[in-house]
Amino acid sequence: MNIKYILPVFVLLGLLTLSCERETDCYTKTKETYYTITLSVTGTASSVDILRVFKQDETQDTTYFNDATLPWETDTTTIGDSWVYLVAHNNDSTGTVTAAILLNGNEVVHETRSGAFVQPAVSWNFLGEDYTEEYTECP
């Protein structure tokens, strides 16, 4: 090999080595992923009263919806431990009412009731620590 090519080869190898990430520069981070909890009430009743309770960590939000028409739906976002309760009261003397809770569009629980003044109710615990993930980040 010609000596005039050795210096450029060493320079290129040095640059390649510097451009590679060193493992000591990497660190582990925890990624908090936000999740959407959807509360849904469907059915054939023309009017329902809805009670929604959402508790995240130590903060509780209770909301009442009077004479809601079906289908009815509301979303909330969470990252931590949460508890959700939903009850729908059929204001009619006939009809079917379904209360459901969904996580990111996938149903986790539902209840359907038929008849006069029925009240399907569902609740669900969301454990946020199950939905955090660790990943390695290198600058």
C-alpha atoms as a PDB file:
ATOM      1  CA  MET A   1       0.000   0.000   0.000  1.00  0.00           C
ATOM      2  CA  ASN A   2       1.250   3.403  -0.891  1.00  0.00           C
ATOM      3  CA  ILE A   3       2.138   5.581   2.098  1.00  0.00           C
ATOM      4  CA  LYS A   4       0.258   8.581   0.700  1.00  0.00           C
ATOM      5  CA  TYR A   5      -3.028   6.647   1.177  1.00  0.00           C
ATOM      6  CA  ILE A   6      -2.405   5.674   4.811  1.00  0.00           C
ATOM      7  CA  LEU A   7      -3.013   9.143   6.301  1.00  0.00           C
ATOM      8  CA  PRO A   8      -6.402   9.674   4.582  1.00  0.00           C
ATOM      9  CA  VAL A   9      -7.494   6.160   5.636  1.00  0.00           C
ATOM     10  CA  PHE A  10      -6.633   6.909   9.282  1.00  0.00           C
ATOM     11  CA  VAL A  11      -8.471  10.250   9.091  1.00  0.00           C
ATOM     12  CA  LEU A  12     -11.591   8.553   7.712  1.00  0.00           C
ATOM     13  CA  LEU A  13     -11.479   5.838  10.389  1.00  0.00           C
ATOM     14  CA  GLY A  14     -11.130   8.511  13.070  1.00  0.00           C
ATOM     15  CA  LEU A  15     -14.115  10.465  11.742  1.00  0.00           C
ATOM     16  CA  LEU A  16     -16.236   7.310  11.607  1.00  0.00           C
ATOM     17  CA  THR A  17     -15.324   6.484  15.189  1.00  0.00           C
ATOM     18  CA  LEU A  18     -16.239   9.986  16.384  1.00  0.00           C
ATOM     19  CA  SER A  19     -19.581   9.938  14.565  1.00  0.00           C
ATOM     20  CA  CYS A  20     -20.682   6.718  16.278  1.00  0.00           C
ATOM     21  CA  GLU A  21     -22.590   7.124  19.524  1.00  0.00           C
ATOM     22  CA  ARG A  22     -20.762   5.967  22.574  1.00  0.00           C
ATOM     23  CA  GLU A  23     -22.839   3.860  24.939  1.00  0.00           C
ATOM     24  CA  THR A  24     -21.694   6.005  27.862  1.00  0.00           C
ATOM     25  CA  ASP A  25     -23.484   8.962  26.218  1.00  0.00           C
ATOM     26  CA  CYS A  26     -26.801   7.108  26.299  1.00  0.00           C
ATOM     27  CA  TYR A  27     -29.248   7.163  29.193  1.00  0.00           C
ATOM     28  CA  THR A  28     -32.580   5.614  30.070  1.00  0.00           C
ATOM     29  CA  LYS A  29     -35.695   7.761  30.168  1.00  0.00           C
ATOM     30  CA  THR A  30     -39.269   6.979  31.093  1.00  0.00           C
ATOM     31  CA  LYS A  31     -41.831   7.912  28.500  1.00  0.00           C
ATOM     32  CA  GLU A  32     -45.266   8.847  29.799  1.00  0.00           C
ATOM     33  CA  THR A  33     -47.827   7.995  27.203  1.00  0.00           C
ATOM     34  CA  TYR A  34     -51.169   9.744  27.244  1.00  0.00           C
ATOM     35  CA  TYR A  35     -54.203   7.512  26.872  1.00  0.00           C
ATOM     36  CA  THR A  36     -57.736   8.430  25.864  1.00  0.00           C
ATOM     37  CA  ILE A  37     -60.602   7.081  27.941  1.00  0.00           C
ATOM     38  CA  THR A  38     -63.925   7.320  26.106  1.00  0.00           C
ATOM     39  CA  LEU A  39     -67.260   7.094  27.905  1.00  0.00           C
ATOM     40  CA  SER A  40     -70.117   6.065  25.644  1.00  0.00           C
ATOM     41  CA  VAL A  41     -73.883   5.658  26.041  1.00  0.00           C
ATOM     42  CA  THR A  42     -75.918   4.205  23.169  1.00  0.00           C
ATOM     43  CA  GLY A  43     -79.328   2.612  22.729  1.00  0.00           C
ATOM     44  CA  THR A  44     -82.907   3.153  21.651  1.00  0.00           C
ATOM     45  CA  ALA A  45     -84.047   5.381  24.532  1.00  0.00           C
ATOM     46  CA  SER A  46     -84.833   8.934  23.465  1.00  0.00           C
ATOM     47  CA  SER A  47     -83.508  10.571  26.628  1.00  0.00           C
ATOM     48  CA  VAL A  48     -81.118   9.554  29.415  1.00  0.00           C
ATOM     49  CA  ASP A  49     -79.601  11.190  32.455  1.00  0.00           C
ATOM     50  CA  ILE A  50     -75.880  10.458  32.743  1.00  0.00           C
ATOM     51  CA  LEU A  51     -73.538  10.592  35.716  1.00  0.00           C
ATOM     52  CA  ARG A  52     -69.802  10.533  34.981  1.00  0.00           C
ATOM     53  CA  VAL A  53     -67.165  10.294  37.695  1.00  0.00           C
ATOM     54  CA  PHE A  54     -63.488  10.496  36.771  1.00  0.00           C
ATOM     55  CA  LYS A  55     -60.814  10.273  39.456  1.00  0.00           C
ATOM     56  CA  GLN A  56     -57.133  10.691  38.613  1.00  0.00           C
ATOM     57  CA  ASP A  57     -54.697  10.337  41.485  1.00  0.00           C
ATOM     58  CA  GLU A  58     -56.358  12.441  44.208  1.00  0.00           C
ATOM     59  CA  THR A  59     -58.408  14.704  41.908  1.00  0.00           C
ATOM     60  CA  GLN A  60     -62.048  13.801  41.279  1.00  0.00           C
ATOM     61  CA  ASP A  61     -64.363  15.258  38.618  1.00  0.00           C
ATOM     62  CA  THR A  62     -68.084  14.475  38.825  1.00  0.00           C
ATOM     63  CA  THR A  63     -70.348  15.662  36.017  1.00  0.00           C
ATOM     64  CA  TYR A  64     -74.096  15.199  35.486  1.00  0.00           C
ATOM     65  CA  PHE A  65     -75.674  15.405  32.032  1.00  0.00           C
ATOM     66  CA  ASN A  66     -79.456  15.934  32.113  1.00  0.00           C
ATOM     67  CA  ASP A  67     -81.723  14.728  29.262  1.00  0.00           C
ATOM     68  CA  ALA A  68     -78.877  13.651  26.966  1.00  0.00           C
ATOM     69  CA  THR A  69     -79.809  12.266  23.563  1.00  0.00           C
ATOM     70  CA  LEU A  70     -78.245   9.066  22.239  1.00  0.00           C
ATOM     71  CA  PRO A  71     -75.677   8.290  21.074  1.00  0.00           C
ATOM     72  CA  TRP A  72     -73.648  10.222  23.672  1.00  0.00           C
ATOM     73  CA  GLU A  73     -69.867  10.198  24.085  1.00  0.00           C
ATOM     74  CA  THR A  74     -67.119  12.094  25.903  1.00  0.00           C
ATOM     75  CA  ASP A  75     -63.334  11.697  26.064  1.00  0.00           C
ATOM     76  CA  THR A  76     -60.742  12.376  28.724  1.00  0.00           C
ATOM     77  CA  THR A  77     -56.974  11.948  28.670  1.00  0.00           C
ATOM     78  CA  THR A  78     -54.905  10.278  31.382  1.00  0.00           C
ATOM     79  CA  ILE A  79     -51.355   9.189  32.137  1.00  0.00           C
ATOM     80  CA  GLY A  80     -51.643   8.204  35.785  1.00  0.00           C
ATOM     81  CA  ASP A  81     -53.761   5.884  37.868  1.00  0.00           C
ATOM     82  CA  SER A  82     -57.421   6.628  37.188  1.00  0.00           C
ATOM     83  CA  TRP A  83     -60.858   5.368  38.106  1.00  0.00           C
ATOM     84  CA  VAL A  84     -63.909   5.917  35.920  1.00  0.00           C
ATOM     85  CA  TYR A  85     -67.591   5.385  36.723  1.00  0.00           C
ATOM     86  CA  LEU A  86     -70.487   5.849  34.296  1.00  0.00           C
ATOM     87  CA  VAL A  87     -74.204   5.348  34.869  1.00  0.00           C
ATOM     88  CA  ALA A  88     -77.049   6.180  32.475  1.00  0.00           C
ATOM     89  CA  HIS A  89     -80.681   6.385  33.589  1.00  0.00           C
ATOM     90  CA  ASN A  90     -83.336   5.696  30.930  1.00  0.00           C
ATOM     91  CA  ASN A  91     -85.976   8.431  31.171  1.00  0.00           C
ATOM     92  CA  ASP A  92     -88.394   6.479  28.936  1.00  0.00           C
ATOM     93  CA  SER A  93     -90.877   3.739  29.781  1.00  0.00           C
ATOM     94  CA  THR A  94     -89.262   1.519  27.102  1.00  0.00           C
ATOM     95  CA  GLY A  95     -85.953   1.177  25.301  1.00  0.00           C
ATOM     96  CA  THR A  96     -82.448  -0.171  25.589  1.00  0.00           C
ATOM     97  CA  VAL A  97     -79.438   1.643  27.050  1.00  0.00           C
ATOM     98  CA  THR A  98     -75.760   0.568  26.887  1.00  0.00           C
ATOM     99  CA  ALA A  99     -73.016   2.199  28.936  1.00  0.00           C
ATOM    100  CA  ALA A 100     -69.429   1.503  27.858  1.00  0.00           C
ATOM    101  CA  ILE A 101     -65.844   2.516  28.659  1.00  0.00           C
ATOM    102  CA  LEU A 102     -63.150   2.411  25.966  1.00  0.00           C
ATOM    103  CA  LEU A 103     -59.371   2.816  26.173  1.00  0.00           C
ATOM    104  CA  ASN A 104     -57.854   4.245  22.978  1.00  0.00           C
ATOM    105  CA  GLY A 105     -60.927   3.102  21.059  1.00  0.00           C
ATOM    106  CA  ASN A 106     -60.960  -0.458  22.441  1.00  0.00           C
ATOM    107  CA  GLU A 107     -63.856  -1.402  24.695  1.00  0.00           C
ATOM    108  CA  VAL A 108     -62.831  -2.515  28.176  1.00  0.00           C
ATOM    109  CA  VAL A 109     -66.269  -2.875  29.788  1.00  0.00           C
ATOM    110  CA  HIS A 110     -69.959  -2.404  28.928  1.00  0.00           C
ATOM    111  CA  GLU A 111     -73.416  -3.120  30.298  1.00  0.00           C
ATOM    112  CA  THR A 112     -76.757  -3.156  28.466  1.00  0.00           C
ATOM    113  CA  ARG A 113     -80.186  -2.925  30.091  1.00  0.00           C
ATOM    114  CA  SER A 114     -83.669  -2.901  28.547  1.00  0.00           C
ATOM    115  CA  GLY A 115     -86.964  -1.615  29.891  1.00  0.00           C
ATOM    116  CA  ALA A 116     -88.505   1.247  31.776  1.00  0.00           C
ATOM    117  CA  PHE A 117     -86.138   3.519  33.705  1.00  0.00           C
ATOM    118  CA  VAL A 118     -83.199   1.051  33.662  1.00  0.00           C
ATOM    119  CA  GLN A 119     -79.735   2.179  34.790  1.00  0.00           C
ATOM    120  CA  PRO A 120     -76.739   0.394  33.252  1.00  0.00           C
ATOM    121  CA  ALA A 121     -73.562   1.250  35.183  1.00  0.00           C
ATOM    122  CA  VAL A 122     -69.892   0.498  34.498  1.00  0.00           C
ATOM    123  CA  SER A 123     -66.635   1.290  36.251  1.00  0.00           C
ATOM    124  CA  TRP A 124     -63.007   0.653  35.448  1.00  0.00           C
ATOM    125  CA  ASN A 125     -59.574   1.114  37.040  1.00  0.00           C
ATOM    126  CA  PHE A 126     -56.781   2.323  34.801  1.00  0.00           C
ATOM    127  CA  LEU A 127     -53.325   1.589  36.214  1.00  0.00           C
ATOM    128  CA  GLY A 128     -51.064   4.156  34.591  1.00  0.00           C
ATOM    129  CA  GLU A 129     -47.813   2.525  35.619  1.00  0.00           C
ATOM    130  CA  ASP A 130     -48.652  -0.373  33.324  1.00  0.00           C
ATOM    131  CA  TYR A 131     -48.565   2.052  30.409  1.00  0.00           C
ATOM    132  CA  THR A 132     -45.225   3.791  30.905  1.00  0.00           C
ATOM    133  CA  GLU A 133     -42.244   2.513  29.044  1.00  0.00           C
ATOM    134  CA  GLU A 134     -38.513   2.963  29.318  1.00  0.00           C
ATOM    135  CA  TYR A 135     -36.364   3.725  26.323  1.00  0.00           C
ATOM    136  CA  THR A 136     -32.745   4.576  25.663  1.00  0.00           C
ATOM    137  CA  GLU A 137     -31.893   7.995  24.337  1.00  0.00           C
ATOM    138  CA  CYS A 138     -28.517   9.015  22.964  1.00  0.00           C
ATOM    139  CA  PRO A 139     -27.639  12.662  22.247  1.00  0.00           C
END
